[in-house]
Amino acid sequence: MKSILVCAAALGIAFASPASAKGCIKGAIVGGVAGHVAGHHGLVGAVAGCAIGRHNANKAARERHEQEMQRSGQREHI
C-alpha cells in the first residue's frame, strides 16, 4: 500500500510540470516496477528511471535538432 501511495505522489509531482517531464514519466514507471521487483526499492527505481528517461529524451531532442540543422545547411556551435 505504501509503494502505491509513493508512486501516486511521484506521478502527481511529475504531472505538475509537464514542460520538463519529457521521458521522466515513462522512465519512472518502468524504473519503479523494476526496482520493486528487484528488491522492494520502487522509489529508488522510479527516481533512477526518471533521470535516465530525461537523459534519453534530451539526447533524442539534441540529435533531432542537429539533423534538422544539417538538412537546412546551417551549422550551430554548441
Protein backbone atom coordinates (compact mmCIF):
# COMPACT_ATOMS: atom_id res chain seq x y z
CA MET A 1 0.00 0.00 0.00
CA LYS A 2 2.85 2.35 0.85
CA SER A 3 4.51 1.83 -2.54
CA ILE A 4 1.28 2.62 -4.36
CA LEU A 5 0.96 5.86 -2.40
CA VAL A 6 4.57 6.80 -3.16
CA CYS A 7 4.12 6.05 -6.87
CA ALA A 8 0.92 8.10 -6.97
CA ALA A 9 2.69 11.02 -5.29
CA ALA A 10 5.63 10.78 -7.69
CA LEU A 11 3.33 10.75 -10.70
CA GLY A 12 1.40 13.70 -9.28
CA ILE A 13 4.59 15.68 -8.98
CA ALA A 14 5.65 14.63 -12.48
CA PHE A 15 2.34 15.74 -13.99
CA ALA A 16 2.52 19.09 -12.18
CA SER A 17 5.25 20.29 -14.55
CA PRO A 18 4.60 18.72 -17.96
CA ALA A 19 7.04 21.01 -19.76
CA SER A 20 10.02 19.41 -18.04
CA ALA A 21 8.67 15.87 -17.71
CA LYS A 22 9.64 14.52 -21.13
CA GLY A 23 10.89 10.99 -20.66
CA CYS A 24 10.54 11.15 -16.89
CA ILE A 25 7.09 9.62 -16.53
CA LYS A 26 7.73 6.54 -18.63
CA GLY A 27 11.16 6.06 -17.06
CA ALA A 28 9.75 6.46 -13.55
CA ILE A 29 7.05 3.87 -14.16
CA VAL A 30 9.45 1.33 -15.66
CA GLY A 31 12.13 2.02 -13.05
CA GLY A 32 9.63 1.85 -10.19
CA VAL A 33 8.34 -1.53 -11.30
CA ALA A 34 11.84 -2.86 -11.90
CA GLY A 35 13.04 -1.58 -8.53
CA HIS A 36 10.07 -3.10 -6.76
CA VAL A 37 10.59 -6.49 -8.40
CA ALA A 38 14.36 -6.40 -7.83
CA GLY A 39 14.11 -5.95 -4.10
CA HIS A 40 11.31 -3.67 -2.98
CA HIS A 41 13.16 -0.50 -3.93
CA GLY A 42 10.43 1.04 -6.06
CA LEU A 43 11.13 4.64 -5.11
CA VAL A 44 14.83 4.37 -5.89
CA GLY A 45 14.00 2.70 -9.20
CA ALA A 46 11.48 5.41 -10.05
CA VAL A 47 13.97 8.20 -9.37
CA ALA A 48 16.68 6.48 -11.40
CA GLY A 49 14.23 5.70 -14.20
CA CYS A 50 13.13 9.33 -14.31
CA ALA A 51 16.71 10.54 -14.56
CA ILE A 52 17.55 8.05 -17.30
CA GLY A 53 14.34 8.86 -19.18
CA ARG A 54 15.09 12.60 -19.05
CA HIS A 55 18.64 11.96 -20.27
CA ASN A 56 17.40 9.86 -23.20
CA ALA A 57 14.71 12.41 -24.11
CA ASN A 58 17.23 15.27 -24.08
CA LYS A 59 19.68 13.20 -26.13
CA ALA A 60 17.00 12.42 -28.74
CA ALA A 61 15.94 16.07 -28.91
CA ARG A 62 19.55 17.15 -29.38
CA GLU A 63 20.03 14.61 -32.19
CA ARG A 64 16.81 15.75 -33.91
CA HIS A 65 17.97 19.35 -33.69
CA GLU A 66 21.35 18.50 -35.19
CA GLN A 67 19.72 16.58 -38.04
CA GLU A 68 17.41 19.50 -38.81
CA MET A 69 20.38 21.85 -38.86
CA GLN A 70 22.28 19.57 -41.24
CA ARG A 71 19.28 19.32 -43.56
CA SER A 72 18.86 23.07 -43.69
CA GLY A 73 22.57 23.57 -44.34
CA GLN A 74 23.16 25.59 -41.22
CA ARG A 75 25.76 24.97 -38.58
CA GLU A 76 25.34 25.85 -34.97
CA HIS A 77 28.15 25.79 -32.46
CA ILE A 78 27.10 24.48 -29.09
